């Protein structure tokens, strides 16, 4: 089953469904039941079509999940990096404040001042 990306794709799919339904209803309108072999063949075709659609859906889901997992991994790495940078900046600020506080608290002796 193909992806529907345009209105043309949707109309084509609708026409295919209408044709299939008309083909299946035709023997009933004539008052005769289709042979059992035909019914089984139709079911086998339906099963194959649905399996293909299922596999396609699984592939699409896996692609989307992988994309989101990659995005989450990148965002986690960025958060970790920014957190480290923030901690380093905060530590530097605290050391600078501490150094400024100790310089003001202990007067320095200058040569020539008695």
C-alpha atoms as a PDB file:
ATOM      1  CA  UNK A   1       0.000   0.000   0.000  1.00  0.00           C
ATOM      2  CA  UNK A   2       1.478   3.307  -1.053  1.00  0.00           C
ATOM      3  CA  UNK A   3       1.571   6.465   0.974  1.00  0.00           C
ATOM      4  CA  UNK A   4      -1.132   8.992   0.223  1.00  0.00           C
ATOM      5  CA  UNK A   5       0.551  12.337  -0.336  1.00  0.00           C
ATOM      6  CA  UNK A   6      -1.763  14.096  -2.770  1.00  0.00           C
ATOM      7  CA  UNK A   7      -5.449  14.297  -3.509  1.00  0.00           C
ATOM      8  CA  UNK A   8      -4.741  12.436  -6.769  1.00  0.00           C
ATOM      9  CA  UNK A   9      -3.345   9.492  -4.756  1.00  0.00           C
ATOM     10  CA  UNK A  10      -6.448   9.482  -2.587  1.00  0.00           C
ATOM     11  CA  UNK A  11      -8.798   9.517  -5.581  1.00  0.00           C
ATOM     12  CA  UNK A  12      -6.842   6.696  -7.236  1.00  0.00           C
ATOM     13  CA  UNK A  13      -7.063   4.590  -4.072  1.00  0.00           C
ATOM     14  CA  UNK A  14     -10.787   5.303  -3.797  1.00  0.00           C
ATOM     15  CA  UNK A  15     -11.333   4.237  -7.414  1.00  0.00           C
ATOM     16  CA  UNK A  16      -9.407   0.999  -6.821  1.00  0.00           C
ATOM     17  CA  UNK A  17     -11.575   0.255  -3.778  1.00  0.00           C
ATOM     18  CA  UNK A  18     -14.754   0.961  -5.755  1.00  0.00           C
ATOM     19  CA  UNK A  19     -13.627  -1.317  -8.583  1.00  0.00           C
ATOM     20  CA  UNK A  20     -12.796  -4.135  -6.144  1.00  0.00           C
ATOM     21  CA  UNK A  21     -16.148  -3.776  -4.402  1.00  0.00           C
ATOM     22  CA  UNK A  22     -18.033  -3.794  -7.714  1.00  0.00           C
ATOM     23  CA  UNK A  23     -16.139  -6.908  -8.804  1.00  0.00           C
ATOM     24  CA  UNK A  24     -17.086  -8.704  -5.600  1.00  0.00           C
ATOM     25  CA  UNK A  25     -20.731  -7.645  -5.710  1.00  0.00           C
ATOM     26  CA  UNK A  26     -21.283  -8.492  -9.386  1.00  0.00           C
ATOM     27  CA  UNK A  27     -21.883 -12.253  -8.894  1.00  0.00           C
ATOM     28  CA  UNK A  28     -24.329 -11.529  -6.055  1.00  0.00           C
ATOM     29  CA  UNK A  29     -26.373  -9.217  -8.277  1.00  0.00           C
ATOM     30  CA  UNK A  30     -26.640 -11.988 -10.830  1.00  0.00           C
ATOM     31  CA  UNK A  31     -28.002 -14.280  -8.126  1.00  0.00           C
ATOM     32  CA  UNK A  32     -25.134 -16.703  -8.031  1.00  0.00           C
ATOM     33  CA  UNK A  33     -22.479 -17.132  -5.422  1.00  0.00           C
ATOM     34  CA  UNK A  34     -18.838 -17.005  -6.449  1.00  0.00           C
ATOM     35  CA  UNK A  35     -16.980 -20.322  -6.339  1.00  0.00           C
ATOM     36  CA  UNK A  36     -15.284 -21.149  -3.049  1.00  0.00           C
ATOM     37  CA  UNK A  37     -11.899 -21.217  -4.776  1.00  0.00           C
ATOM     38  CA  UNK A  38     -12.386 -17.611  -5.862  1.00  0.00           C
ATOM     39  CA  UNK A  39     -13.367 -16.588  -2.343  1.00  0.00           C
ATOM     40  CA  UNK A  40     -10.293 -18.282  -0.898  1.00  0.00           C
ATOM     41  CA  UNK A  41      -8.078 -16.668  -3.547  1.00  0.00           C
ATOM     42  CA  UNK A  42      -9.590 -13.258  -2.716  1.00  0.00           C
ATOM     43  CA  UNK A  43      -8.963 -13.832   0.980  1.00  0.00           C
ATOM     44  CA  UNK A  44      -5.363 -14.839   0.294  1.00  0.00           C
ATOM     45  CA  UNK A  45      -4.917 -11.671  -1.780  1.00  0.00           C
ATOM     46  CA  UNK A  46      -6.474  -9.594   0.999  1.00  0.00           C
ATOM     47  CA  UNK A  47      -4.183 -11.177   3.580  1.00  0.00           C
ATOM     48  CA  UNK A  48      -1.113 -10.461   1.440  1.00  0.00           C
ATOM     49  CA  UNK A  49      -2.230  -6.847   0.906  1.00  0.00           C
ATOM     50  CA  UNK A  50      -2.877  -6.288   4.614  1.00  0.00           C
ATOM     51  CA  UNK A  51       0.471  -7.896   5.530  1.00  0.00           C
ATOM     52  CA  UNK A  52       2.236  -5.527   3.134  1.00  0.00           C
ATOM     53  CA  UNK A  53       0.379  -2.582   4.662  1.00  0.00           C
ATOM     54  CA  UNK A  54       1.329  -3.800   8.138  1.00  0.00           C
ATOM     55  CA  UNK A  55       5.005  -4.116   7.213  1.00  0.00           C
ATOM     56  CA  UNK A  56       4.941  -0.636   5.689  1.00  0.00           C
ATOM     57  CA  UNK A  57       3.322   0.805   8.817  1.00  0.00           C
ATOM     58  CA  UNK A  58       5.913  -0.910  11.019  1.00  0.00           C
ATOM     59  CA  UNK A  59       8.748   0.509   8.900  1.00  0.00           C
ATOM     60  CA  UNK A  60       7.239   3.985   9.092  1.00  0.00           C
ATOM     61  CA  UNK A  61       6.809   3.704  12.856  1.00  0.00           C
ATOM     62  CA  UNK A  62      10.378   2.469  13.305  1.00  0.00           C
ATOM     63  CA  UNK A  63      11.684   5.376  11.230  1.00  0.00           C
ATOM     64  CA  UNK A  64       9.715   7.891  13.269  1.00  0.00           C
ATOM     65  CA  UNK A  65      10.741   6.312  16.584  1.00  0.00           C
ATOM     66  CA  UNK A  66      14.401   6.299  15.528  1.00  0.00           C
ATOM     67  CA  UNK A  67      14.131   9.948  14.533  1.00  0.00           C
ATOM     68  CA  UNK A  68      12.645  10.879  17.921  1.00  0.00           C
ATOM     69  CA  UNK A  69      15.204   8.742  19.772  1.00  0.00           C
ATOM     70  CA  UNK A  70      18.008  10.533  17.911  1.00  0.00           C
ATOM     71  CA  UNK A  71      16.497  13.916  18.733  1.00  0.00           C
ATOM     72  CA  UNK A  72      16.119  12.994  22.401  1.00  0.00           C
ATOM     73  CA  UNK A  73      19.739  11.803  22.532  1.00  0.00           C
ATOM     74  CA  UNK A  74      20.972  15.056  20.993  1.00  0.00           C
ATOM     75  CA  UNK A  75      18.889  17.118  23.421  1.00  0.00           C
ATOM     76  CA  UNK A  76      20.130  15.104  26.420  1.00  0.00           C
ATOM     77  CA  UNK A  77      23.733  15.634  25.319  1.00  0.00           C
ATOM     78  CA  UNK A  78      23.090  19.356  24.925  1.00  0.00           C
ATOM     79  CA  UNK A  79      21.478  19.582  28.373  1.00  0.00           C
ATOM     80  CA  UNK A  80      24.466  17.762  29.907  1.00  0.00           C
ATOM     81  CA  UNK A  81      26.924  20.066  28.134  1.00  0.00           C
ATOM     82  CA  UNK A  82      25.047  23.221  29.130  1.00  0.00           C
ATOM     83  CA  UNK A  83      24.751  21.970  32.716  1.00  0.00           C
ATOM     84  CA  UNK A  84      28.531  21.378  32.892  1.00  0.00           C
ATOM     85  CA  UNK A  85      29.219  24.830  31.442  1.00  0.00           C
ATOM     86  CA  UNK A  86      26.801  26.401  33.909  1.00  0.00           C
ATOM     87  CA  UNK A  87      28.438  24.597  36.846  1.00  0.00           C
ATOM     88  CA  UNK A  88      31.918  25.667  35.681  1.00  0.00           C
ATOM     89  CA  UNK A  89      30.781  29.284  35.331  1.00  0.00           C
ATOM     90  CA  UNK A  90      29.113  29.157  38.745  1.00  0.00           C
ATOM     91  CA  UNK A  91      32.245  27.648  40.352  1.00  0.00           C
ATOM     92  CA  UNK A  92      34.398  30.335  38.740  1.00  0.00           C
ATOM     93  CA  UNK A  93      32.056  33.053  39.989  1.00  0.00           C
ATOM     94  CA  UNK A  94      32.109  31.633  43.526  1.00  0.00           C
ATOM     95  CA  UNK A  95      35.936  31.445  43.521  1.00  0.00           C
ATOM     96  CA  UNK A  96      36.125  34.990  42.215  1.00  0.00           C
ATOM     97  CA  UNK A  97      33.780  36.221  44.956  1.00  0.00           C
ATOM     98  CA  UNK A  98      35.749  34.271  47.554  1.00  0.00           C
ATOM     99  CA  UNK A  99      39.049  35.695  46.291  1.00  0.00           C
ATOM    100  CA  UNK A 100      37.600  39.227  46.311  1.00  0.00           C
ATOM    101  CA  UNK A 101      36.316  38.703  49.863  1.00  0.00           C
ATOM    102  CA  UNK A 102      39.682  37.498  51.183  1.00  0.00           C
ATOM    103  CA  UNK A 103      41.551  40.368  49.525  1.00  0.00           C
ATOM    104  CA  UNK A 104      39.288  42.947  51.163  1.00  0.00           C
ATOM    105  CA  UNK A 105      39.351  41.230  54.555  1.00  0.00           C
ATOM    106  CA  UNK A 106      43.138  41.051  54.821  1.00  0.00           C
ATOM    107  CA  UNK A 107      44.815  44.362  54.114  1.00  0.00           C
ATOM    108  CA  UNK A 108      47.968  44.078  52.153  1.00  0.00           C
ATOM    109  CA  UNK A 109      51.086  45.769  53.409  1.00  0.00           C
ATOM    110  CA  UNK A 110      52.690  47.963  50.910  1.00  0.00           C
ATOM    111  CA  UNK A 111      56.309  48.785  51.070  1.00  0.00           C
ATOM    112  CA  UNK A 112      56.785  52.342  52.214  1.00  0.00           C
ATOM    113  CA  UNK A 113      53.645  52.420  54.397  1.00  0.00           C
ATOM    114  CA  UNK A 114      54.396  52.237  58.108  1.00  0.00           C
END
